[in-house]
N, C-alpha and C. Protein backbone atom coordinates (compact mmCIF):
# COMPACT_ATOMS: atom_id res chain seq x y z
N MET A 1 30.39 -3.44 -2.06
CA MET A 1 28.92 -2.65 -2.05
C MET A 1 28.81 -2.43 -0.84
N THR A 2 28.51 -1.10 -0.65
CA THR A 2 28.13 -0.29 0.31
C THR A 2 26.79 0.10 0.34
N LEU A 3 26.33 0.62 1.86
CA LEU A 3 24.98 1.12 1.94
C LEU A 3 24.95 2.44 0.86
N SER A 4 25.83 3.30 1.12
CA SER A 4 25.95 4.49 0.20
C SER A 4 25.94 4.26 -1.28
N GLU A 5 26.44 3.17 -1.78
CA GLU A 5 26.30 2.76 -3.11
C GLU A 5 25.06 2.64 -3.44
N GLN A 6 24.28 1.72 -2.91
CA GLN A 6 23.01 1.29 -2.76
C GLN A 6 22.15 2.54 -2.91
N LEU A 7 22.37 3.36 -1.97
CA LEU A 7 21.31 4.62 -1.94
C LEU A 7 21.57 5.54 -3.13
N ILE A 8 22.77 5.79 -3.66
CA ILE A 8 23.03 6.32 -4.74
C ILE A 8 22.36 5.74 -6.04
N TYR A 9 22.27 4.39 -6.27
CA TYR A 9 21.65 3.61 -7.15
C TYR A 9 20.10 3.86 -7.08
N ALA A 10 19.73 3.92 -5.74
CA ALA A 10 18.17 4.03 -5.50
C ALA A 10 17.99 5.28 -6.07
N VAL A 11 18.73 6.40 -5.74
CA VAL A 11 18.29 7.77 -5.98
C VAL A 11 18.55 7.93 -7.57
N LEU A 12 19.20 7.28 -8.25
CA LEU A 12 19.55 7.30 -9.73
C LEU A 12 18.11 6.66 -10.40
N TRP A 13 17.61 5.62 -9.73
CA TRP A 13 16.23 5.17 -10.37
C TRP A 13 15.17 5.98 -9.83
N LEU A 14 15.06 6.81 -8.65
CA LEU A 14 14.13 7.84 -8.52
C LEU A 14 14.08 8.90 -9.26
N LEU A 15 15.26 9.37 -9.65
CA LEU A 15 15.47 10.34 -10.56
C LEU A 15 14.98 10.01 -12.18
N PHE A 16 15.35 8.98 -12.54
CA PHE A 16 14.78 8.08 -13.92
C PHE A 16 13.35 8.23 -13.81
N GLY A 17 12.70 7.65 -12.73
CA GLY A 17 11.28 7.48 -12.67
C GLY A 17 10.74 9.02 -12.62
N ALA A 18 11.11 9.87 -12.06
CA ALA A 18 10.55 11.20 -12.19
C ALA A 18 10.79 11.86 -13.31
N ALA A 19 12.03 11.66 -14.07
CA ALA A 19 12.00 12.35 -15.28
C ALA A 19 11.11 11.72 -16.29
N HIS A 20 10.90 10.27 -16.32
CA HIS A 20 9.93 9.67 -17.23
C HIS A 20 8.40 10.01 -16.89
N SER A 21 8.24 10.46 -15.89
CA SER A 21 6.88 10.87 -15.42
C SER A 21 6.66 12.35 -15.94
N VAL A 22 7.54 13.11 -15.76
CA VAL A 22 7.51 14.21 -16.22
C VAL A 22 7.43 14.55 -17.55
N LEU A 23 8.07 13.92 -18.20
CA LEU A 23 8.16 14.10 -19.55
C LEU A 23 7.06 13.28 -20.26
N ALA A 24 6.16 12.38 -19.84
CA ALA A 24 4.91 12.01 -20.32
C ALA A 24 3.83 12.86 -19.72
N SER A 25 4.03 14.00 -19.02
CA SER A 25 3.06 15.10 -18.82
C SER A 25 2.69 15.74 -19.91
N GLU A 26 1.30 16.29 -19.96
CA GLU A 26 0.89 17.03 -21.21
C GLU A 26 1.71 18.22 -21.19
N THR A 27 2.12 18.89 -20.26
CA THR A 27 2.96 20.19 -20.29
C THR A 27 4.28 19.93 -21.04
N ALA A 28 4.86 18.73 -20.84
CA ALA A 28 6.23 18.52 -21.13
C ALA A 28 5.90 18.06 -22.67
N LYS A 29 4.55 17.27 -22.92
CA LYS A 29 4.52 16.74 -24.27
C LYS A 29 4.34 18.13 -25.16
N ARG A 30 3.63 19.04 -24.62
CA ARG A 30 3.41 20.28 -25.63
C ARG A 30 4.73 20.95 -25.95
N LEU A 31 5.83 21.03 -24.63
CA LEU A 31 7.19 21.37 -25.11
C LEU A 31 7.81 20.70 -25.99
N THR A 32 7.95 19.28 -26.03
CA THR A 32 8.61 18.56 -26.92
C THR A 32 7.98 18.74 -28.21
N ARG A 33 6.61 18.58 -28.27
CA ARG A 33 6.04 18.79 -29.45
C ARG A 33 6.41 20.24 -30.31
N ALA A 34 6.66 21.27 -29.48
CA ALA A 34 6.92 22.55 -29.89
C ALA A 34 8.58 22.33 -30.76
N LEU A 35 9.36 21.59 -29.92
CA LEU A 35 10.71 21.42 -30.37
C LEU A 35 11.13 20.39 -31.29
N PHE A 36 10.19 19.11 -31.55
CA PHE A 36 10.27 18.49 -32.21
C PHE A 36 9.32 17.90 -33.05
N GLY A 37 8.35 18.64 -33.10
CA GLY A 37 7.03 18.17 -33.97
C GLY A 37 6.57 17.13 -33.83
N ARG A 38 6.28 16.43 -34.85
CA ARG A 38 5.69 15.13 -35.02
C ARG A 38 6.58 13.81 -34.39
N LEU A 39 7.80 14.30 -34.26
CA LEU A 39 8.80 13.42 -33.68
C LEU A 39 8.89 13.58 -32.22
N GLU A 40 7.86 14.24 -31.59
CA GLU A 40 7.71 14.40 -30.03
C GLU A 40 8.00 12.85 -29.47
N ARG A 41 7.10 11.74 -29.78
CA ARG A 41 7.15 10.52 -29.18
C ARG A 41 8.58 9.67 -29.31
N LEU A 42 9.19 10.02 -30.33
CA LEU A 42 10.41 9.32 -30.68
C LEU A 42 11.37 10.13 -29.81
N ALA A 43 11.44 11.40 -29.89
CA ALA A 43 12.25 12.10 -28.71
C ALA A 43 12.04 11.67 -27.40
N TYR A 44 10.91 11.71 -27.08
CA TYR A 44 10.74 10.95 -25.85
C TYR A 44 11.45 9.62 -25.39
N ASN A 45 11.02 8.74 -26.39
CA ASN A 45 11.60 7.44 -26.37
C ASN A 45 13.11 7.10 -26.09
N LEU A 46 13.65 8.01 -27.02
CA LEU A 46 15.17 8.27 -27.14
C LEU A 46 15.75 8.86 -25.82
N ILE A 47 15.16 9.79 -25.25
CA ILE A 47 15.35 10.57 -24.13
C ILE A 47 15.48 9.12 -22.84
N ALA A 48 14.45 8.65 -22.92
CA ALA A 48 14.13 7.44 -21.70
C ALA A 48 15.02 6.26 -22.07
N VAL A 49 15.40 5.85 -23.26
CA VAL A 49 16.40 4.93 -23.32
C VAL A 49 17.72 5.37 -22.89
N PHE A 50 18.20 6.59 -23.15
CA PHE A 50 19.46 7.21 -22.81
C PHE A 50 19.55 7.14 -21.33
N HIS A 51 18.52 7.68 -20.71
CA HIS A 51 18.34 7.77 -19.38
C HIS A 51 18.42 6.37 -18.48
N PHE A 52 17.68 5.28 -19.22
CA PHE A 52 17.54 4.16 -18.64
C PHE A 52 19.13 3.50 -18.91
N VAL A 53 19.83 3.35 -19.83
CA VAL A 53 21.16 2.73 -19.96
C VAL A 53 22.05 3.56 -19.00
N ALA A 54 22.08 4.82 -18.85
CA ALA A 54 22.85 5.74 -18.21
C ALA A 54 22.60 5.29 -16.45
N THR A 55 21.53 5.17 -16.17
CA THR A 55 21.23 4.66 -14.91
C THR A 55 21.71 3.33 -14.60
N VAL A 56 21.37 2.24 -15.53
CA VAL A 56 21.81 0.87 -15.44
C VAL A 56 23.37 0.84 -15.23
N ALA A 57 24.00 1.60 -16.16
CA ALA A 57 25.69 1.54 -16.12
C ALA A 57 26.17 2.11 -14.80
N ALA A 58 25.63 3.24 -14.45
CA ALA A 58 25.96 3.66 -13.29
C ALA A 58 25.97 2.77 -11.96
N GLY A 59 24.68 2.05 -12.06
CA GLY A 59 24.61 1.11 -11.09
C GLY A 59 25.41 -0.20 -11.22
N ARG A 60 25.88 -0.51 -12.33
CA ARG A 60 26.69 -1.68 -12.48
C ARG A 60 28.23 -1.37 -12.08
N TYR A 61 28.57 0.04 -12.28
CA TYR A 61 29.79 0.44 -12.02
C TYR A 61 29.69 0.59 -10.42
N LEU A 62 28.75 1.15 -9.82
CA LEU A 62 28.64 1.42 -8.50
C LEU A 62 28.73 0.00 -7.57
N LEU A 63 28.06 -0.92 -8.01
CA LEU A 63 27.81 -2.48 -7.70
C LEU A 63 28.66 -3.48 -7.77
N GLY A 64 29.76 -3.10 -8.49
CA GLY A 64 30.92 -3.94 -8.78
C GLY A 64 30.63 -4.73 -10.32
N GLY A 65 29.54 -4.47 -10.71
CA GLY A 65 29.28 -4.86 -12.18
C GLY A 65 29.96 -6.33 -12.39
N ALA A 66 30.84 -6.37 -13.43
CA ALA A 66 31.42 -7.97 -13.87
C ALA A 66 32.35 -8.41 -12.96
N GLU A 67 32.73 -7.64 -11.78
CA GLU A 67 33.47 -8.31 -10.76
C GLU A 67 32.72 -8.96 -9.60
N ALA A 68 31.43 -8.77 -9.68
CA ALA A 68 30.51 -8.77 -8.56
C ALA A 68 30.42 -10.39 -8.58
N GLU A 69 30.61 -11.21 -7.26
CA GLU A 69 30.22 -12.54 -7.27
C GLU A 69 28.73 -12.81 -7.47
N PRO A 70 28.55 -13.69 -8.44
CA PRO A 70 27.03 -14.30 -8.25
C PRO A 70 26.62 -15.06 -6.99
N PHE A 71 25.42 -14.90 -6.73
CA PHE A 71 24.72 -15.45 -5.49
C PHE A 71 24.94 -17.09 -5.88
N VAL A 72 25.25 -17.89 -4.61
CA VAL A 72 25.11 -19.11 -4.69
C VAL A 72 23.82 -19.77 -4.34
N LEU A 73 23.40 -20.17 -5.52
CA LEU A 73 21.76 -20.46 -5.35
C LEU A 73 21.61 -22.02 -5.95
N PRO A 74 20.51 -22.45 -4.93
CA PRO A 74 20.28 -23.95 -5.33
C PRO A 74 19.80 -24.09 -6.74
N PRO A 75 20.06 -25.24 -7.36
CA PRO A 75 19.79 -25.51 -8.83
C PRO A 75 18.27 -25.31 -9.11
N LEU A 76 17.33 -25.47 -8.26
CA LEU A 76 16.06 -25.29 -8.36
C LEU A 76 15.55 -23.91 -8.41
N ILE A 77 16.25 -22.98 -7.76
CA ILE A 77 16.08 -21.81 -7.60
C ILE A 77 16.64 -21.04 -8.97
N GLN A 78 17.76 -21.65 -9.24
CA GLN A 78 18.46 -20.96 -10.60
C GLN A 78 17.64 -21.29 -11.91
N GLY A 79 16.97 -22.58 -11.75
CA GLY A 79 16.11 -22.75 -12.92
C GLY A 79 15.14 -22.08 -13.00
N GLY A 80 14.43 -21.90 -11.90
CA GLY A 80 13.34 -21.15 -11.79
C GLY A 80 13.63 -19.35 -12.31
N MET A 81 14.48 -19.11 -11.79
CA MET A 81 14.93 -17.66 -12.29
C MET A 81 15.27 -17.74 -13.98
N GLY A 82 15.99 -18.78 -14.29
CA GLY A 82 16.07 -18.82 -15.80
C GLY A 82 14.72 -19.00 -16.47
N ALA A 83 13.80 -19.69 -15.91
CA ALA A 83 12.51 -19.70 -16.33
C ALA A 83 11.74 -18.32 -16.36
N ALA A 84 11.90 -17.72 -15.42
CA ALA A 84 11.38 -16.21 -15.36
C ALA A 84 11.74 -15.32 -16.51
N LEU A 85 13.18 -15.46 -16.66
CA LEU A 85 13.89 -14.69 -17.83
C LEU A 85 13.06 -14.94 -19.03
N VAL A 86 13.15 -16.27 -19.39
CA VAL A 86 12.32 -16.91 -20.60
C VAL A 86 10.94 -16.31 -20.50
N ALA A 87 10.05 -16.58 -19.55
CA ALA A 87 8.75 -16.29 -19.63
C ALA A 87 8.67 -14.63 -19.75
N GLY A 88 9.57 -13.77 -19.09
CA GLY A 88 9.44 -12.46 -19.16
C GLY A 88 9.69 -12.01 -20.33
N ALA A 89 10.82 -12.42 -21.37
CA ALA A 89 10.58 -11.95 -22.70
C ALA A 89 9.77 -12.46 -23.38
N GLY A 90 9.41 -13.57 -23.42
CA GLY A 90 7.95 -14.17 -24.07
C GLY A 90 6.86 -13.36 -24.05
N LEU A 91 6.47 -12.95 -22.69
CA LEU A 91 5.39 -12.16 -22.25
C LEU A 91 5.59 -10.75 -23.00
N ILE A 92 6.77 -10.24 -22.96
CA ILE A 92 6.71 -8.86 -23.46
C ILE A 92 6.60 -8.79 -24.93
N LEU A 93 7.18 -10.09 -25.69
CA LEU A 93 6.93 -10.10 -27.41
C LEU A 93 5.61 -10.43 -27.54
N LEU A 94 4.95 -11.01 -26.75
CA LEU A 94 3.36 -11.58 -27.15
C LEU A 94 2.61 -10.21 -26.77
N ALA A 95 3.02 -9.42 -25.86
CA ALA A 95 2.54 -8.03 -25.37
C ALA A 95 2.51 -6.97 -26.33
N LEU A 96 3.58 -7.00 -27.04
CA LEU A 96 3.86 -5.71 -28.06
C LEU A 96 3.12 -6.36 -29.55
N ARG A 97 2.71 -7.48 -29.52
CA ARG A 97 1.89 -7.81 -30.78
C ARG A 97 0.51 -7.00 -30.77
N HIS A 98 0.02 -6.53 -29.72
CA HIS A 98 -1.29 -5.70 -29.55
C HIS A 98 -1.05 -4.40 -29.76
N TYR A 99 0.05 -3.95 -30.04
CA TYR A 99 0.31 -2.35 -29.99
C TYR A 99 0.70 -2.02 -31.59
N ASP A 100 0.39 -0.87 -32.05
CA ASP A 100 0.89 -0.33 -33.14
C ASP A 100 2.31 0.15 -32.83
N LEU A 101 3.51 -0.74 -33.34
CA LEU A 101 4.70 -0.74 -32.77
C LEU A 101 5.37 0.67 -33.43
N ARG A 102 5.05 0.96 -34.53
CA ARG A 102 5.53 2.39 -34.84
C ARG A 102 5.19 3.44 -34.28
N ARG A 103 3.90 3.46 -33.98
CA ARG A 103 3.38 4.63 -33.08
C ARG A 103 3.94 4.63 -31.41
N PHE A 104 4.18 3.26 -30.95
CA PHE A 104 4.86 3.00 -29.51
C PHE A 104 6.26 3.52 -29.59
N ALA A 105 6.78 3.31 -30.69
CA ALA A 105 8.33 3.73 -30.63
C ALA A 105 8.44 5.20 -31.16
N GLY A 106 7.59 5.55 -31.97
CA GLY A 106 7.48 7.18 -32.14
C GLY A 106 8.16 7.09 -33.53
N THR A 107 8.23 6.24 -34.35
CA THR A 107 8.75 6.28 -35.85
C THR A 107 7.33 6.76 -36.77
N ALA A 108 6.45 6.39 -36.28
CA ALA A 108 5.01 6.72 -37.05
C ALA A 108 4.89 8.10 -36.87
N LEU A 109 4.75 9.09 -37.99
CA LEU A 109 4.39 10.43 -37.93
C LEU A 109 2.97 10.77 -37.71
N VAL A 110 2.61 10.90 -36.49
CA VAL A 110 1.13 11.11 -36.13
C VAL A 110 0.87 12.25 -36.12
N PRO A 111 -0.19 12.86 -37.21
CA PRO A 111 -0.51 14.21 -37.26
C PRO A 111 -1.15 14.82 -35.68
N GLU A 112 -0.80 16.00 -35.65
CA GLU A 112 -1.37 16.64 -34.33
C GLU A 112 -2.78 16.49 -34.17
N GLY A 113 -3.46 16.45 -33.09
CA GLY A 113 -4.79 15.78 -32.88
C GLY A 113 -5.34 14.68 -33.07
N ALA A 114 -4.32 13.82 -33.53
CA ALA A 114 -5.01 12.41 -33.94
C ALA A 114 -5.56 11.57 -32.84
N VAL A 115 -6.59 10.66 -33.35
CA VAL A 115 -7.16 9.99 -32.42
C VAL A 115 -6.21 8.95 -31.86
N PRO A 116 -6.10 8.90 -30.28
CA PRO A 116 -5.27 7.77 -29.66
C PRO A 116 -5.71 6.45 -30.01
N GLU A 117 -4.76 5.56 -30.04
CA GLU A 117 -5.08 4.22 -30.22
C GLU A 117 -6.21 3.67 -29.20
N PRO A 118 -7.09 2.74 -29.80
CA PRO A 118 -7.99 2.36 -29.00
C PRO A 118 -7.54 1.42 -27.59
N LEU A 119 -8.35 1.79 -26.59
CA LEU A 119 -8.08 0.97 -25.54
C LEU A 119 -7.96 -0.48 -25.51
N HIS A 120 -6.63 -1.15 -25.36
CA HIS A 120 -6.50 -2.47 -25.45
C HIS A 120 -7.22 -3.26 -24.54
N THR A 121 -8.16 -4.35 -24.88
CA THR A 121 -8.68 -5.06 -23.64
C THR A 121 -8.84 -6.63 -24.25
N ASP A 122 -8.20 -7.07 -25.35
CA ASP A 122 -8.05 -8.18 -25.97
C ASP A 122 -6.75 -8.72 -25.74
N GLY A 123 -6.41 -10.06 -26.14
CA GLY A 123 -5.42 -10.61 -25.86
C GLY A 123 -4.71 -10.74 -24.71
N LEU A 124 -3.63 -10.43 -24.07
CA LEU A 124 -2.88 -10.62 -22.71
C LEU A 124 -3.62 -9.61 -21.95
N HIS A 125 -4.31 -8.55 -22.61
CA HIS A 125 -4.79 -7.55 -21.63
C HIS A 125 -6.09 -8.10 -20.86
N ARG A 126 -6.76 -9.21 -21.61
CA ARG A 126 -8.01 -9.72 -20.78
C ARG A 126 -7.44 -10.38 -19.47
N TYR A 127 -6.18 -10.57 -19.23
CA TYR A 127 -5.78 -11.22 -18.16
C TYR A 127 -5.07 -10.22 -17.01
N VAL A 128 -4.31 -9.16 -17.65
CA VAL A 128 -3.69 -8.22 -16.85
C VAL A 128 -3.71 -6.91 -17.67
N ARG A 129 -3.77 -5.92 -17.00
CA ARG A 129 -3.88 -4.26 -17.47
C ARG A 129 -2.67 -4.08 -18.09
N HIS A 130 -1.47 -4.50 -17.32
CA HIS A 130 -0.11 -4.04 -18.19
C HIS A 130 0.95 -5.28 -18.26
N PRO A 131 0.77 -6.05 -19.14
CA PRO A 131 1.29 -7.18 -19.58
C PRO A 131 3.05 -6.95 -19.97
N LEU A 132 3.22 -5.74 -20.49
CA LEU A 132 4.68 -5.28 -20.66
C LEU A 132 5.32 -5.10 -19.34
N TYR A 133 4.52 -4.63 -18.25
CA TYR A 133 5.38 -4.53 -17.02
C TYR A 133 5.42 -5.97 -16.32
N SER A 134 4.54 -6.69 -16.31
CA SER A 134 4.45 -8.07 -15.69
C SER A 134 5.60 -8.95 -16.47
N GLY A 135 5.81 -8.76 -17.81
CA GLY A 135 7.15 -9.17 -18.48
C GLY A 135 8.37 -8.53 -17.86
N ALA A 136 8.33 -7.28 -17.53
CA ALA A 136 9.36 -6.89 -16.99
C ALA A 136 9.82 -7.28 -15.58
N PHE A 137 8.83 -7.40 -14.94
CA PHE A 137 9.00 -7.91 -13.51
C PHE A 137 9.62 -9.21 -13.83
N LEU A 138 9.05 -10.15 -14.50
CA LEU A 138 9.72 -11.49 -14.58
C LEU A 138 11.19 -11.35 -14.67
N LEU A 139 11.63 -10.57 -16.14
CA LEU A 139 12.97 -10.27 -16.30
C LEU A 139 13.78 -9.73 -15.04
N LEU A 140 13.38 -8.81 -14.62
CA LEU A 140 14.02 -8.42 -13.33
C LEU A 140 14.35 -9.57 -12.23
N ILE A 141 13.19 -10.35 -11.74
CA ILE A 141 13.59 -11.45 -11.04
C ILE A 141 14.42 -12.32 -11.56
N GLY A 142 14.43 -12.73 -12.75
CA GLY A 142 15.42 -13.65 -13.57
C GLY A 142 16.70 -13.23 -13.73
N GLY A 143 16.88 -11.64 -13.45
CA GLY A 143 18.19 -11.23 -13.59
C GLY A 143 18.80 -10.93 -12.02
N ALA A 144 17.90 -11.33 -11.07
CA ALA A 144 18.54 -10.94 -9.89
C ALA A 144 19.67 -11.95 -9.27
N THR A 145 20.69 -12.44 -10.05
CA THR A 145 21.62 -13.33 -9.65
C THR A 145 22.87 -12.89 -8.94
N ASP A 146 23.05 -11.74 -8.95
CA ASP A 146 24.14 -11.05 -8.25
C ASP A 146 23.72 -9.77 -7.29
N PRO A 147 24.67 -8.93 -6.52
CA PRO A 147 24.23 -7.94 -6.00
C PRO A 147 23.69 -6.82 -6.88
N PHE A 148 24.31 -6.72 -8.14
CA PHE A 148 23.81 -5.53 -9.02
C PHE A 148 22.36 -6.04 -9.58
N GLY A 149 22.23 -7.24 -9.66
CA GLY A 149 20.93 -7.73 -10.48
C GLY A 149 19.79 -7.60 -9.39
N LEU A 150 20.17 -8.05 -8.22
CA LEU A 150 18.95 -7.82 -7.13
C LEU A 150 18.79 -6.57 -6.76
N ALA A 151 19.76 -5.42 -6.58
CA ALA A 151 19.25 -4.08 -6.67
C ALA A 151 18.38 -3.62 -7.86
N THR A 152 18.91 -3.88 -8.77
CA THR A 152 18.16 -3.47 -10.06
C THR A 152 16.71 -3.98 -10.02
N CYS A 153 16.59 -5.14 -9.60
CA CYS A 153 15.21 -5.67 -9.46
C CYS A 153 14.48 -4.90 -8.36
N LEU A 154 14.94 -4.77 -7.33
CA LEU A 154 14.41 -3.91 -6.36
C LEU A 154 13.99 -2.28 -6.61
N TRP A 155 14.90 -1.67 -7.15
CA TRP A 155 14.57 -0.37 -7.42
C TRP A 155 13.85 -0.22 -8.83
N ALA A 156 14.04 -1.16 -9.62
CA ALA A 156 13.34 -1.00 -10.83
C ALA A 156 11.82 -1.33 -10.78
N SER A 157 11.85 -2.32 -9.97
CA SER A 157 10.36 -2.89 -9.72
C SER A 157 9.40 -1.89 -8.79
N LEU A 158 10.11 -1.09 -7.90
CA LEU A 158 9.62 -0.08 -7.18
C LEU A 158 9.16 0.93 -8.30
N TYR A 159 10.12 1.44 -8.94
CA TYR A 159 9.55 2.55 -10.20
C TYR A 159 8.67 1.78 -10.99
N LEU A 160 8.50 0.70 -11.33
CA LEU A 160 7.30 0.02 -12.07
C LEU A 160 5.87 0.19 -11.44
N VAL A 161 6.11 -0.14 -10.12
CA VAL A 161 4.82 0.05 -9.44
C VAL A 161 4.59 1.42 -9.42
N ILE A 162 5.49 2.53 -8.94
CA ILE A 162 5.15 3.98 -8.79
C ILE A 162 4.52 4.43 -9.99
N GLY A 163 5.21 4.22 -11.33
CA GLY A 163 5.08 4.55 -12.44
C GLY A 163 3.64 4.20 -13.27
N THR A 164 3.39 2.79 -12.51
CA THR A 164 2.03 2.23 -12.92
C THR A 164 0.82 3.30 -12.59
N TRP A 165 1.03 3.94 -11.19
CA TRP A 165 0.07 4.87 -10.65
C TRP A 165 -0.02 5.89 -11.54
N PHE A 166 0.99 6.55 -11.84
CA PHE A 166 1.06 7.62 -12.87
C PHE A 166 0.32 7.42 -14.32
N GLU A 167 0.72 5.97 -14.73
CA GLU A 167 0.07 5.49 -16.08
C GLU A 167 -1.13 5.41 -16.01
N GLU A 168 -1.77 4.76 -14.86
CA GLU A 168 -3.25 4.71 -14.78
C GLU A 168 -4.21 6.02 -14.61
N ARG A 169 -3.43 7.29 -14.12
CA ARG A 169 -4.16 8.30 -14.15
C ARG A 169 -4.28 8.98 -15.58
N ARG A 170 -3.20 8.81 -16.33
CA ARG A 170 -2.85 9.24 -17.67
C ARG A 170 -4.23 8.43 -18.53
N LEU A 171 -4.26 7.14 -18.51
CA LEU A 171 -5.21 6.29 -19.11
C LEU A 171 -6.85 6.70 -18.72
N ILE A 172 -6.73 6.84 -17.29
CA ILE A 172 -8.10 7.50 -17.12
C ILE A 172 -8.54 8.83 -17.65
N SER A 173 -7.56 9.59 -17.73
CA SER A 173 -8.06 10.99 -18.39
C SER A 173 -8.07 10.74 -19.76
N LEU A 174 -7.50 9.59 -20.61
CA LEU A 174 -7.62 9.43 -21.88
C LEU A 174 -8.90 8.77 -22.07
N TYR A 175 -9.36 7.69 -21.49
CA TYR A 175 -10.32 6.81 -21.71
C TYR A 175 -11.49 6.79 -20.76
N GLY A 176 -11.40 7.62 -19.85
CA GLY A 176 -12.48 7.84 -18.81
C GLY A 176 -13.19 6.71 -18.19
N ASP A 177 -14.47 6.68 -18.23
CA ASP A 177 -15.25 5.54 -17.67
C ASP A 177 -14.86 4.02 -17.99
N ALA A 178 -14.45 3.93 -19.16
CA ALA A 178 -14.22 2.76 -20.13
C ALA A 178 -12.94 2.13 -19.48
N TYR A 179 -11.95 2.97 -19.16
CA TYR A 179 -10.83 2.55 -18.42
C TYR A 179 -11.22 2.02 -16.75
N ARG A 180 -11.94 3.07 -16.19
CA ARG A 180 -12.41 2.58 -14.98
C ARG A 180 -13.05 1.20 -14.79
N ARG A 181 -14.06 1.05 -15.72
CA ARG A 181 -14.61 -0.28 -15.84
C ARG A 181 -13.52 -1.33 -16.09
N TYR A 182 -12.49 -1.32 -16.94
CA TYR A 182 -11.62 -2.07 -17.06
C TYR A 182 -10.86 -2.45 -16.07
N ARG A 183 -10.33 -1.47 -15.51
CA ARG A 183 -9.48 -1.64 -14.03
C ARG A 183 -10.17 -2.31 -13.14
N ALA A 184 -11.58 -2.18 -12.93
CA ALA A 184 -12.14 -2.89 -11.85
C ALA A 184 -12.39 -4.39 -12.28
N ALA A 185 -12.29 -4.84 -13.50
CA ALA A 185 -12.28 -6.06 -13.85
C ALA A 185 -11.21 -6.90 -13.95
N VAL A 186 -9.88 -6.12 -14.43
CA VAL A 186 -8.63 -6.94 -14.60
C VAL A 186 -7.66 -6.46 -13.93
N PRO A 187 -7.02 -7.50 -13.09
CA PRO A 187 -5.68 -7.08 -12.20
C PRO A 187 -4.46 -6.34 -12.91
N ALA A 188 -3.63 -5.65 -12.26
CA ALA A 188 -2.61 -4.86 -12.93
C ALA A 188 -1.57 -5.81 -13.55
N PHE A 189 -0.94 -6.80 -12.67
CA PHE A 189 0.18 -7.40 -13.41
C PHE A 189 0.01 -9.05 -13.05
N ILE A 190 -0.63 -9.57 -12.29
CA ILE A 190 -0.76 -10.80 -11.81
C ILE A 190 -2.09 -11.26 -12.22
N PRO A 191 -2.26 -12.34 -13.10
CA PRO A 191 -3.50 -12.54 -13.73
C PRO A 191 -4.22 -13.73 -12.79
N TRP A 192 -4.58 -12.89 -11.40
CA TRP A 192 -5.33 -14.09 -10.68
C TRP A 192 -6.84 -14.30 -10.59
N ARG A 193 -7.32 -13.48 -11.51
CA ARG A 193 -8.79 -13.42 -11.83
C ARG A 193 -9.15 -14.29 -12.93
N GLY A 194 -8.26 -15.01 -13.65
CA GLY A 194 -8.42 -15.44 -15.00
C GLY A 194 -8.75 -14.53 -16.16
N ARG A 195 -9.14 -14.89 -17.19
CA ARG A 195 -9.65 -14.10 -18.07
C ARG A 195 -10.76 -13.18 -18.15
N ALA A 196 -10.78 -12.08 -18.20
CA ALA A 196 -11.95 -11.11 -18.41
C ALA A 196 -12.90 -11.03 -19.51
N ARG A 197 -14.10 -10.91 -19.44
CA ARG A 197 -14.96 -10.69 -20.35
C ARG A 197 -14.71 -9.59 -21.42
């Protein structure tokens, strides 16, 4: 693994993040809505999944993939990373219970101009604003067992932090002062304040 391979992988994540943010913009949504109609959200998700898989596959190829030697870690750290994987997967599954999954995935045919989902402030959202991202961070940390996993943890975490900034701008435009108040009361990823009212 060379520095240039790391930089290429970083650029691939940067491109993924940029494309994901651009496709989430209102201008791009109007275009995909014109092309795909009510399947716009499904098309957005399929493009994102394809781009994500291509980015990770390219990183695995660049950074050695299956041939890469795993890090030699003390058993306590290995156990902690395994616990992070399990906790991350559990957190994501718990968080998904609070969404309309058909709408989230894009398989529900939502009519044009339909009311957006209400602002979620219950369940895990009482502790963190982005429980799906919190779970993703834990999965990334738990998977950092070799050079590819560590690079993926670094670049994908950076993408999540930057992507959160864009997501929050979208949520403010969607929910206004309600989201501003929620953001002031509830932390983004780590539930350091305890449960919000």
